[in-house]
C-alpha cells in the first residue's frame, strides 16, 4: 500500500517575481531502498505572493503587544481561517507576560561632560531618516529591554566585550568603582555585559555595534545604507537584555492571568545596573565623564500566539510543529518577517490542498506564530509550559524558521544529528536560487562542509545550542528533535556577525528587497526546503529520523573528550571507560534499529510501525536530565559536545580543588548513564 506525500516547490517566472507552487505526489515503499515517483498533479501559479506578504507584514512597526502587533495577529488569523486556503482550525492563545519598555515621554539619553555640551538623546528624530519607515511615529526608541531605570554618572572606561575576563583584566589597572563601561556587542550576552560589570562597582554600561564586527570596518555615510547593506552610523541595535528565556514572573508555568507570579525582586538574570545601546557614530564621540538617564519601565501585558492546525489522517495524535515568531523591534523585514511570509505561503499551499480534498498528512501539523520572541522567546516558551505533557508525549519534531533569509548565498541549518539526513534529502530536491542546474544541497556543500566517517563530505550542520530563537524551549526543556533553517551569506566575503541592520530601524522592506534578497528567490528556496522537510516528517510511514547519524556524533564528541580530558582525569583516578562503553552500546543499538527499519513496509502491522516511530520520536527525550545543568533555568538537554562535562572540567582545572574534580566525576556519570539510557530506548521492547 502506497502512501501519498507532497513535495513543495516554488517556481520562478522570468521577469518579475512569480511564485509557483509545484505540488507532487510520490509514493514511498519502505524496503531496502526508497523509491520516489514524481507525477505532477497540482500546479498553482500566483504573482507577487511573497512580495505582497512581505510588504503587508512590514508596512508598520510591530513590536510585541503594540497596535502593529495586533494587526499582524489579525493577518495571521484571517489567512489561517480562510475557508478556501486556510487550515483546519486556527485561534489565538493569550498570555499575560512581563515586558520592559522605554518611556516615550522621557527619552533615554546619554550626556557627556559636566556642561552637557554633547547629548545623545534616543528618540526617533535622533537617527537619520532614509525612507518614510524611519519616520513612522511608532518606531520605538533604542533601548535595552529589562534594563533598570536610573541616572548613573561616572568616568567612561572601555571594557571590550564585557566578558568576565574583560572586566577582570581592566580591574587590574583601573579602579572600576563608580565608572560607566562602554562595550561592544559580541563575546557575552547582552544582559551579561551589565551582570559581569556590577561586581566590580561599575554603575552603568553602554553597548554599541562595532563597525569591524558588523560593517567590515566601513563607517562613512556613503559606504553604508542606503548605498550598501552595511549599518549606517546612526543605527542602533535593540534587544532583550535578560539571560533566561520565557516570562520572568512565571518560571516553568504558563503565564496565564490567574497564574502565580514570583515577586519582582526575586527575578534573576536581568541587568542589575542601567545599560543602554548606542550607535557607533555616538560611541566614537563619547569621552570623559558620562551621565546616563534611563527611564525604562516594566509592565505585565497580554501577548498572543496565533496557532493553526492541519489534522492528521492516520495519526492525528502525533505532531510536527512548524514555528516562526511574529513580533519585531521595528518593521522587522528580515527579523522575523522573512520567516513569517514563508510560513504564510507554505500554509496557504497546504491549506488549499486540504480544503480541496486532494491531500491530508498522516500526522497532524501544528503551526505557531509566536508572540514576544524579541523579549526572550516568551510566546514559544509559554506554549511549551502550558502544554508540557501533551507536547512531550506526542511531538515528532519542531521546525524553526525565524529569519528565513539573512542573505542569498547558501542554506544554513542547525539541527539535532538525527534529522540532518532529512534536511539533506530535501535540499537535494530544490534548485539553488539563480542556479537551475545546482541543488540547494550542492550549493550548500560548496560553502560549508565537513567530513563524515559514514557519508564522506557532507554539508556542515550547526548545533542548536543556547537560546538564539524559538527552538530553545523545544530542545532544552522538552527534548524534542528540532532544527532551524535559513539562507545566509558567504562568510568568506564578510566578517559581519549577522546582517548589519539587525534589530534597527533600517530593517525594512526597502533594505530587504535591495540588499538581502532581490526578487525574493532565496525566500522561495527556504520555503521549498523547509516545506519538503515538513511533509516528510508529517507523512512518511516510518519517521525519517536517523539513529546512526546520532551515533556518529556521539563518537565524534567522545573522541574530542578523550583527547582533551582523559590524561588529567587519570591523575584524579577518574576513568572514561564507562563513557566509551556507553557510546559503543548506543552505536550497536542504532545499527540494530536501522536493520529493523529496513524490514518495514506498508503491509506491516500498524502497531509495529507505531512502536518503531515512538522509539525514533522519543530518542532526544532520552538525553534529558534535570540534574545536568542545575544552575541553568529550563536547560535539561546535554547537547552539544557534552557541555556539562566540559564546564565542570574547565572549572576544576582552574581551581584545582578536589571537590571540583568530584563534580567532573559526577557529570561524567550523568553523561554516561544518559547515553546508556538512550541506547536502551532503541533496543527491542523487554
Foldseek 3Di string as FASTA:
>chain_A
DWFWFWFWFWDADDDFGKTKTWIFIWTFWQFLDTDTDGDGDDIDIDPCQLVVLLCVLQVWAFAFPDPSVVVVLVVVCCLQVPLQQHAPDKDKDKFWFKWKAFDPVQFKKKAADPVSPDIQTWDLVRFDDDDCLSVPNPQGTAWAMQFDFDKAKAWEDEQEAQDLVSLVVVVVPDQQASYEYEYEHDDDAQLSSQVSSVVSNHAEYEYEHQCVQAVVRDADPCSDPPNALADYQFWWAHFYNFAAFAGQQQFLAQRHPPDHGDDPVPGDRGRPHGYGYGGVNVVVVHHTMMIIGTRMDMDTDMGIKMKGKQAADAAALAEEEEEEESHASISCSQFASLVVSLVSVLSSVVSNCVSVVNDGFNYMYMYIHAGPVRNGLHRLLSVCSHCVVSCLQHYQEYEYEGRAFLAQQAKAKAWQLQCPVLLLVLQQVYCRVPGNVHTSFRSQLVQAWDQFPPPGIGHDHHHPDGRPGNCQLVCFQSLFTYMYMHHHDRCVVGSHPTRNSHNTSPSGPSSCCPHGDPSCRSSSRSSSSVSSSSRQCRHPLAGSTQQLSNLRQLVVLVVVCCVVPVVVLVVVVADLVLLVVLSVLSNVLRVVLVVVSNPDTPPDDSVVSVLSNSLRRCLSVLQFDCPLCVPGRSGGHQDDSRVSLVVLVVVCVVPVDPVSSVSNSVSSVSRSVSSNSSSVSSHDDD
